[in-house]
Amino acid sequence: MTQYLFLNAAPGARWNQNHPETITEALFREPMAALRMAGDPPPRVRPGLSFILSYLDGPSESLDETLRRLLALAEREEVPVLIVLDGQNWWGHRPDLWNWWDRAKPGYSPNNAENVEWTDWGPEHAVTICWRNWGRQIRVLPAPNLAAPRFRQAAREHLPRLARRIQRWADALPTRKRWLYPGIKVGWEASIGINAYHYPGGNALLTRPEADDPKNGLDMATDFAGGLAPLGYAALTSENKKRTGRITREDHERLVADYLAFLSRLCREAGVAKDDIFTHAGGQFAPWEKHYSHRVAINPDSVPGWSLYGHAPREAGDLAASLDAAHRSDWCAAEWLPLGAKTAAAWKKAALDTLRFQHCRSLSVYNWEGIRGDPEAIRGLRDALAEGPA
């Protein structure tokens, strides 16, 4: 199978999923011009782009048109495009799912407390606000309950529709252009309390200025909850397997694995082959033994994927052992950046160490906007593409 090196186009930087007119030729041509080498034969590792569509964060009509434009440009520009379908990190378009506390705003219903996470047993512990740090801390909506029936029904309404559109496009490609379809990725660092964490007593901060928010964030040296208020009680209640005691790392792992398996099944039901579905689990950090196992990304209906920031796959906790135990070799570096790499040689080595580990299907650099002004990074990636797998 073809290997890919994707440059992820950061949502909101140069394009917006709810404004299809922002999907332009320039969005494709600039990053590809940086990686392509004129006159050379096609590389063994194909360069491409990835785009994230958050299907609960905008109207269906806009998302459908954005997807149509992305696929049309992929074929016209001959650029492989990996579409990432996210329903967890951004869900602002669905206050009818998360607004359980503000009767003056759209979507209000106290029953929505069942769709967001809790800090203890019972909806009286539902969160109204969470925080995320992707370079800087920001306020975000309450973390979704990954096992809530209504939250999952929303995924059933949207994810298969988008997956079917992608599959129909792929099926219509001429045989000589089949390499333009790398598959579909589901999840976006799927986890609980990592990309939407909650400070103890955090609900009281909702009506206070953001400047008053704590700044300490997650301390990954402590435990799987980063030393903050553990979430996941709502999902455990919906799952109906545990209703007392404290939440554990093993609880989180089971809940997240089940959510990724659910997303994978939705894609399979939409007609996508299991070898063309990639999961993206989060929650794997050093010290590895205190955080999620890499096993959570592995299920029978997909190819597993994880984030790798500054670690080669051989050094990433139980990643290799998890693949071996499942008798799997296919995987993907779903989100990747060689933190600390300063030279082209370091970038090349990091990319090849990843692409050459087991059967790495793809490596996704996050993000193009972060490296577009770094000539060493671009040269290192070009050199990795030129040399290809061993």
Protein backbone atom coordinates (compact mmCIF):
# COMPACT_ATOMS: atom_id res chain seq x y z
CA MET A 1 0.00 0.00 0.00
CA THR A 2 1.04 3.60 -0.59
CA GLN A 3 2.65 5.47 2.29
CA TYR A 4 1.77 9.13 2.85
CA LEU A 5 3.27 12.18 4.49
CA PHE A 6 0.50 14.68 5.20
CA LEU A 7 0.74 18.33 6.09
CA ASN A 8 -2.28 19.19 8.21
CA ALA A 9 -3.98 22.47 7.30
CA ALA A 10 -4.89 23.96 10.67
CA PRO A 11 -8.62 24.73 10.95
CA GLY A 12 -9.28 28.44 11.15
CA ALA A 13 -5.81 29.49 10.01
CA ARG A 14 -6.34 29.83 6.24
CA TRP A 15 -9.67 28.07 5.84
CA ASN A 16 -12.93 27.64 7.72
CA GLN A 17 -15.17 24.60 7.37
CA ASN A 18 -18.28 26.78 7.65
CA HIS A 19 -17.12 29.03 4.80
CA PRO A 20 -16.66 26.77 1.77
CA GLU A 21 -15.36 29.67 -0.31
CA THR A 22 -12.12 29.49 1.73
CA ILE A 23 -11.29 26.15 0.06
CA THR A 24 -9.09 27.39 -2.79
CA GLU A 25 -6.31 26.23 -5.11
CA ALA A 26 -3.81 28.28 -3.10
CA LEU A 27 -4.63 26.22 -0.03
CA PHE A 28 -3.33 23.18 -1.92
CA ARG A 29 -0.57 24.65 -4.06
CA GLU A 30 1.53 26.46 -1.48
CA PRO A 31 2.35 23.49 0.81
CA MET A 32 2.67 21.05 -2.08
CA ALA A 33 5.09 23.34 -3.91
CA ALA A 34 7.26 23.27 -0.79
CA LEU A 35 7.50 19.46 -0.79
CA ARG A 36 7.40 18.53 -4.46
CA MET A 37 10.60 18.21 -6.44
CA ALA A 38 10.09 19.15 -10.08
CA GLY A 39 11.32 16.60 -12.59
CA ASP A 40 11.71 13.79 -10.07
CA PRO A 41 9.68 10.57 -10.34
CA PRO A 42 6.77 10.21 -7.91
CA PRO A 43 8.19 9.56 -4.43
CA ARG A 44 7.60 6.23 -2.72
CA VAL A 45 6.03 8.22 0.12
CA ARG A 46 3.33 10.46 -1.34
CA PRO A 47 3.01 14.00 0.03
CA GLY A 48 -0.53 15.15 0.76
CA LEU A 49 -2.76 17.33 2.92
CA SER A 50 -5.13 16.62 5.77
CA PHE A 51 -8.20 18.61 6.76
CA ILE A 52 -10.32 18.29 9.91
CA LEU A 53 -14.10 18.56 9.66
CA SER A 54 -15.88 18.89 13.01
CA TYR A 55 -19.34 17.65 12.13
CA LEU A 56 -21.03 19.07 15.26
CA ASP A 57 -19.53 22.52 14.83
CA GLY A 58 -21.38 23.86 11.81
CA PRO A 59 -24.42 23.50 9.56
CA SER A 60 -24.56 20.36 7.44
CA GLU A 61 -24.95 22.34 4.22
CA SER A 62 -21.67 24.17 4.75
CA LEU A 63 -19.79 21.02 5.74
CA ASP A 64 -21.09 19.14 2.72
CA GLU A 65 -20.01 21.91 0.35
CA THR A 66 -16.61 22.24 2.02
CA LEU A 67 -16.08 18.49 1.65
CA ARG A 68 -17.18 18.61 -1.99
CA ARG A 69 -14.65 21.34 -2.74
CA LEU A 70 -11.84 19.56 -0.91
CA LEU A 71 -12.38 16.34 -2.86
CA ALA A 72 -12.76 18.13 -6.18
CA LEU A 73 -9.50 20.02 -5.63
CA ALA A 74 -7.73 16.86 -4.49
CA GLU A 75 -8.53 15.28 -7.84
CA ARG A 76 -7.87 18.38 -9.93
CA GLU A 77 -4.55 19.22 -8.21
CA GLU A 78 -3.58 15.53 -7.85
CA VAL A 79 -3.02 15.89 -4.09
CA PRO A 80 -4.02 13.06 -1.73
CA VAL A 81 -6.33 14.40 0.98
CA LEU A 82 -6.97 12.75 4.32
CA ILE A 83 -10.29 13.89 5.77
CA VAL A 84 -10.45 13.78 9.57
CA LEU A 85 -13.98 13.53 10.97
CA ASP A 86 -14.16 14.94 14.50
CA GLY A 87 -17.19 15.00 16.79
CA GLN A 88 -15.53 15.52 20.17
CA ASN A 89 -13.29 18.57 20.34
CA TRP A 90 -15.59 21.16 18.75
CA TRP A 91 -19.37 20.86 19.05
CA GLY A 92 -20.49 24.47 19.29
CA HIS A 93 -23.27 24.07 16.71
CA ARG A 94 -25.19 21.73 19.03
CA PRO A 95 -26.30 23.66 22.14
CA ASP A 96 -29.29 21.32 22.10
CA LEU A 97 -26.82 18.72 23.37
CA TRP A 98 -24.63 20.69 25.80
CA ASN A 99 -26.60 23.69 27.12
CA TRP A 100 -28.01 22.37 30.40
CA TRP A 101 -27.54 25.51 32.50
CA ASP A 102 -28.48 28.72 30.62
CA ARG A 103 -32.21 29.00 29.92
CA ALA A 104 -31.64 32.35 28.15
CA LYS A 105 -29.58 30.74 25.35
CA PRO A 106 -30.46 28.34 22.52
CA GLY A 107 -30.81 24.63 23.15
CA TYR A 108 -31.43 24.88 26.87
CA SER A 109 -32.69 21.77 28.65
CA PRO A 110 -31.64 20.53 32.09
CA ASN A 111 -31.61 17.03 30.59
CA ASN A 112 -28.55 18.04 28.57
CA ALA A 113 -26.53 17.48 31.74
CA GLU A 114 -26.58 13.83 30.66
CA ASN A 115 -24.61 14.69 27.48
CA VAL A 116 -21.67 16.44 29.16
CA GLU A 117 -19.10 15.14 31.61
CA TRP A 118 -19.35 15.11 35.39
CA THR A 119 -16.73 15.45 38.14
CA ASP A 120 -18.55 12.93 40.39
CA TRP A 121 -21.57 10.66 40.36
CA GLY A 122 -24.76 12.45 39.34
CA PRO A 123 -25.85 15.24 36.97
CA GLU A 124 -25.50 17.79 39.79
CA HIS A 125 -21.77 17.47 39.10
CA ALA A 126 -22.07 18.30 35.37
CA VAL A 127 -19.49 20.76 34.05
CA THR A 128 -20.35 24.03 32.33
CA ILE A 129 -16.84 24.95 31.20
CA CYS A 130 -13.57 23.23 30.31
CA TRP A 131 -10.13 24.32 29.17
CA ARG A 132 -7.77 23.27 26.39
CA ASN A 133 -4.10 24.00 25.79
CA TRP A 134 -2.86 23.65 22.21
CA GLY A 135 -0.02 26.12 22.62
CA ARG A 136 -1.97 28.39 24.97
CA GLN A 137 -4.86 27.79 27.32
CA ILE A 138 -8.35 28.67 26.09
CA ARG A 139 -11.85 28.18 27.44
CA VAL A 140 -13.94 25.56 25.65
CA LEU A 141 -17.39 24.05 25.99
CA PRO A 142 -18.01 21.28 28.51
CA ALA A 143 -16.46 17.95 27.58
CA PRO A 144 -18.97 15.60 25.93
CA ASN A 145 -20.07 12.37 27.54
CA LEU A 146 -18.65 9.94 24.96
CA ALA A 147 -21.17 7.24 25.89
CA ALA A 148 -24.30 9.43 26.03
CA PRO A 149 -27.04 8.04 23.74
CA ARG A 150 -27.96 11.46 22.32
CA PHE A 151 -24.31 12.39 21.70
CA ARG A 152 -23.80 9.13 19.84
CA GLN A 153 -27.01 9.61 17.90
CA ALA A 154 -25.63 12.95 16.67
CA ALA A 155 -22.58 11.07 15.36
CA ARG A 156 -24.89 8.59 13.60
CA GLU A 157 -26.65 11.48 11.90
CA HIS A 158 -23.52 13.06 10.46
CA LEU A 159 -20.42 10.85 10.36
CA PRO A 160 -21.84 8.14 8.04
CA ARG A 161 -23.19 10.79 5.64
CA LEU A 162 -19.77 12.36 5.27
CA ALA A 163 -18.01 8.98 5.12
CA ARG A 164 -20.33 7.82 2.33
CA ARG A 165 -19.63 10.97 0.32
CA ILE A 166 -15.89 10.37 0.62
CA GLN A 167 -16.26 6.70 -0.31
CA ARG A 168 -18.39 7.50 -3.36
CA TRP A 169 -15.74 9.96 -4.52
CA ALA A 170 -13.01 7.36 -4.01
CA ASP A 171 -14.97 4.69 -5.87
CA ALA A 172 -15.38 7.03 -8.86
CA LEU A 173 -11.64 7.75 -9.16
CA PRO A 174 -9.90 6.27 -12.21
CA THR A 175 -7.65 3.37 -11.30
CA ARG A 176 -4.54 5.44 -12.09
CA LYS A 177 -5.66 8.04 -9.52
CA ARG A 178 -6.71 5.67 -6.75
CA TRP A 179 -3.68 6.76 -4.73
CA LEU A 180 -5.44 10.10 -4.17
CA TYR A 181 -7.67 8.35 -1.61
CA PRO A 182 -5.71 7.52 1.55
CA GLY A 183 -8.73 6.68 3.72
CA ILE A 184 -10.66 8.43 6.50
CA LYS A 185 -9.51 9.26 10.02
CA VAL A 186 -11.91 9.33 13.00
CA GLY A 187 -11.29 10.77 16.42
CA TRP A 188 -8.92 13.62 17.17
CA GLU A 189 -6.82 12.61 20.14
CA ALA A 190 -9.91 10.86 21.53
CA SER A 191 -9.62 10.91 25.30
CA ILE A 192 -11.38 12.16 28.43
CA GLY A 193 -10.19 15.26 30.26
CA ILE A 194 -7.12 15.87 28.09
CA ASN A 195 -8.27 18.33 25.43
CA ALA A 196 -11.17 19.50 27.57
CA TYR A 197 -9.89 19.48 31.15
CA HIS A 198 -11.64 20.89 34.20
CA TYR A 199 -10.21 22.68 37.20
CA PRO A 200 -11.65 21.69 40.61
CA GLY A 201 -14.55 24.05 41.24
CA GLY A 202 -14.21 25.28 37.68
CA ASN A 203 -17.93 25.94 37.11
CA ALA A 204 -17.68 28.99 39.37
CA LEU A 205 -15.27 30.54 36.85
CA LEU A 206 -17.79 30.59 33.99
CA THR A 207 -19.13 34.06 34.84
CA ARG A 208 -15.76 35.52 35.85
CA PRO A 209 -13.19 37.13 33.54
CA GLU A 210 -10.92 34.71 31.72
CA ALA A 211 -7.97 36.51 33.29
CA ASP A 212 -9.02 34.95 36.61
CA ASP A 213 -8.67 31.39 35.30
CA PRO A 214 -5.96 29.19 36.82
CA LYS A 215 -2.98 28.82 34.50
CA ASN A 216 -1.34 25.64 35.77
CA GLY A 217 -3.15 23.32 33.30
CA LEU A 218 -2.42 19.60 33.17
CA ASP A 219 0.51 18.18 35.09
CA MET A 220 1.14 14.94 33.25
CA ALA A 221 3.76 13.84 35.79
CA THR A 222 0.99 13.23 38.32
CA ASP A 223 -1.69 10.93 36.93
CA PHE A 224 -4.04 10.24 34.01
CA ALA A 225 -6.15 13.29 34.96
CA GLY A 226 -3.15 15.63 35.01
CA GLY A 227 -3.71 16.40 38.68
CA LEU A 228 -7.06 18.09 37.97
CA ALA A 229 -10.71 17.09 38.50
CA PRO A 230 -11.13 13.64 36.90
CA LEU A 231 -13.94 13.47 34.36
CA GLY A 232 -15.70 10.39 32.98
CA TYR A 233 -18.39 9.79 35.60
CA ALA A 234 -21.16 10.64 33.13
CA ALA A 235 -19.79 8.17 30.57
CA LEU A 236 -19.53 5.46 33.21
CA THR A 237 -23.14 6.09 34.20
CA SER A 238 -24.28 5.88 30.56
CA GLU A 239 -22.23 2.73 30.09
CA ASN A 240 -24.01 1.26 33.14
CA LYS A 241 -21.03 -0.83 34.25
CA LYS A 242 -19.93 1.19 37.28
CA ARG A 243 -21.85 3.60 39.50
CA THR A 244 -19.78 3.89 42.68
CA GLY A 245 -16.20 4.49 43.73
CA ARG A 246 -13.51 6.59 42.09
CA ILE A 247 -12.78 6.68 38.40
CA THR A 248 -9.60 4.95 37.24
CA ARG A 249 -7.27 5.04 34.26
CA GLU A 250 -8.62 1.64 33.23
CA ASP A 251 -12.15 3.11 33.18
CA HIS A 252 -10.96 5.87 30.84
CA GLU A 253 -9.18 3.40 28.57
CA ARG A 254 -12.28 1.23 28.20
CA LEU A 255 -14.55 4.23 27.54
CA VAL A 256 -12.27 5.78 24.92
CA ALA A 257 -11.61 2.44 23.21
CA ASP A 258 -15.36 1.87 23.01
CA TYR A 259 -15.92 5.33 21.52
CA LEU A 260 -13.28 4.79 18.83
CA ALA A 261 -14.71 1.35 18.06
CA PHE A 262 -18.16 2.97 17.72
CA LEU A 263 -16.83 5.55 15.24
CA SER A 264 -15.05 2.83 13.28
CA ARG A 265 -18.25 0.77 13.05
CA LEU A 266 -20.16 3.78 11.74
CA CYS A 267 -17.62 4.10 8.92
CA ARG A 268 -17.80 0.39 8.17
CA GLU A 269 -21.61 0.61 8.00
CA ALA A 270 -21.17 3.50 5.54
CA GLY A 271 -19.23 1.18 3.22
CA VAL A 272 -15.64 2.09 4.13
CA ALA A 273 -13.15 -0.80 4.18
CA LYS A 274 -11.50 -1.42 7.54
CA ASP A 275 -8.04 -0.87 6.03
CA ASP A 276 -9.14 2.63 5.00
CA ILE A 277 -10.34 3.70 8.47
CA PHE A 278 -7.82 5.21 10.87
CA THR A 279 -8.41 5.97 14.53
CA HIS A 280 -6.68 8.71 16.50
CA ALA A 281 -6.39 8.09 20.23
CA GLY A 282 -5.03 10.60 22.74
CA GLY A 283 -3.93 10.34 26.35
CA GLN A 284 -0.56 8.63 25.78
CA PHE A 285 2.17 10.58 27.58
CA ALA A 286 5.39 10.11 29.48
CA PRO A 287 5.59 8.87 32.17
CA TRP A 288 3.88 6.23 30.06
CA GLU A 289 2.82 3.94 32.91
CA LYS A 290 0.64 6.70 34.42
CA HIS A 291 -1.37 7.35 31.26
CA TYR A 292 -3.48 5.58 28.66
CA SER A 293 -2.11 2.50 26.99
CA HIS A 294 -1.76 2.64 23.21
CA ARG A 295 -4.17 -0.32 23.15
CA VAL A 296 -7.18 2.03 23.23
CA ALA A 297 -6.77 2.86 19.51
CA ILE A 298 -6.86 -0.77 18.38
CA ASN A 299 -10.09 -2.39 17.23
CA PRO A 300 -11.04 -4.90 14.49
CA ASP A 301 -12.65 -2.30 12.20
CA SER A 302 -9.76 0.12 11.68
CA VAL A 303 -6.05 0.89 11.62
CA PRO A 304 -4.82 2.45 14.90
CA GLY A 305 -3.19 5.86 15.18
CA TRP A 306 -1.62 8.03 17.86
CA SER A 307 0.03 11.40 18.37
CA LEU A 308 3.82 11.45 18.48
CA TYR A 309 5.40 14.66 19.72
CA GLY A 310 9.14 14.40 20.14
CA HIS A 311 9.16 10.61 20.43
CA ALA A 312 10.07 7.95 17.92
CA PRO A 313 7.49 5.13 17.89
CA ARG A 314 9.98 2.66 19.39
CA GLU A 315 10.35 4.99 22.39
CA ALA A 316 6.62 5.65 22.90
CA GLY A 317 5.69 3.55 25.91
CA ASP A 318 3.76 0.40 24.98
CA LEU A 319 3.05 1.37 21.36
CA ALA A 320 5.15 -1.45 19.91
CA ALA A 321 3.99 -3.95 22.52
CA SER A 322 0.34 -3.05 21.88
CA LEU A 323 0.71 -3.69 18.14
CA ASP A 324 2.54 -6.95 18.78
CA ALA A 325 -0.06 -8.17 21.28
CA ALA A 326 -2.83 -7.48 18.75
CA HIS A 327 -0.82 -9.14 15.95
CA ARG A 328 -0.98 -5.90 13.99
CA SER A 329 1.65 -4.06 11.97
CA ASP A 330 -0.38 -1.34 10.21
CA TRP A 331 -0.63 1.94 12.11
CA CYS A 332 -0.41 5.69 11.53
CA ALA A 333 1.30 8.65 13.16
CA ALA A 334 -1.99 10.52 13.33
CA GLU A 335 -0.43 13.72 14.68
CA TRP A 336 3.32 14.20 14.54
CA LEU A 337 6.01 16.76 15.25
CA PRO A 338 9.68 16.18 16.16
CA LEU A 339 9.91 18.60 19.07
CA GLY A 340 13.44 19.91 19.44
CA ALA A 341 14.50 19.15 15.86
CA LYS A 342 16.47 22.15 14.59
CA THR A 343 18.20 20.87 11.47
CA ALA A 344 17.08 19.29 8.21
CA ALA A 345 19.03 16.17 9.16
CA ALA A 346 17.10 15.89 12.46
CA TRP A 347 13.76 16.34 10.71
CA LYS A 348 14.67 13.75 8.08
CA LYS A 349 15.78 11.21 10.68
CA ALA A 350 12.64 11.70 12.79
CA ALA A 351 10.37 11.30 9.76
CA LEU A 352 12.16 8.18 8.48
CA ASP A 353 12.30 6.61 11.96
CA THR A 354 8.52 6.96 12.05
CA LEU A 355 7.76 5.90 8.47
CA ARG A 356 10.05 2.86 8.77
CA PHE A 357 8.55 1.55 12.01
CA GLN A 358 6.42 -1.54 11.36
CA HIS A 359 4.02 -0.74 8.50
CA CYS A 360 3.40 2.96 9.04
CA ARG A 361 0.62 3.92 6.64
CA SER A 362 0.95 7.67 7.11
CA LEU A 363 2.56 10.47 9.06
CA SER A 364 0.61 13.71 9.60
CA VAL A 365 2.64 16.84 10.38
CA TYR A 366 0.73 19.18 12.72
CA ASN A 367 0.56 21.80 11.32
CA TRP A 368 1.72 23.22 7.97
CA GLU A 369 1.23 26.74 9.33
CA GLY A 370 3.73 25.99 12.09
CA ILE A 371 6.54 24.94 9.74
CA ARG A 372 5.89 26.95 6.57
CA GLY A 373 8.51 29.50 7.64
CA ASP A 374 11.06 26.88 8.74
CA PRO A 375 13.36 26.00 5.81
CA GLU A 376 15.15 23.32 7.82
CA ALA A 377 11.90 21.49 8.55
CA ILE A 378 10.79 21.67 4.92
CA ARG A 379 14.16 20.50 3.61
CA GLY A 380 14.20 17.63 6.10
CA LEU A 381 10.76 16.46 5.02
CA ARG A 382 11.71 16.76 1.34
CA ASP A 383 14.82 14.67 1.98
CA ALA A 384 12.74 12.05 3.81
CA LEU A 385 10.33 11.86 0.86
CA ALA A 386 13.23 11.53 -1.58
CA GLU A 387 14.84 8.67 0.34
CA GLY A 388 11.60 6.92 1.28
CA PRO A 389 11.25 3.75 3.34
CA ALA A 390 14.13 1.35 3.70
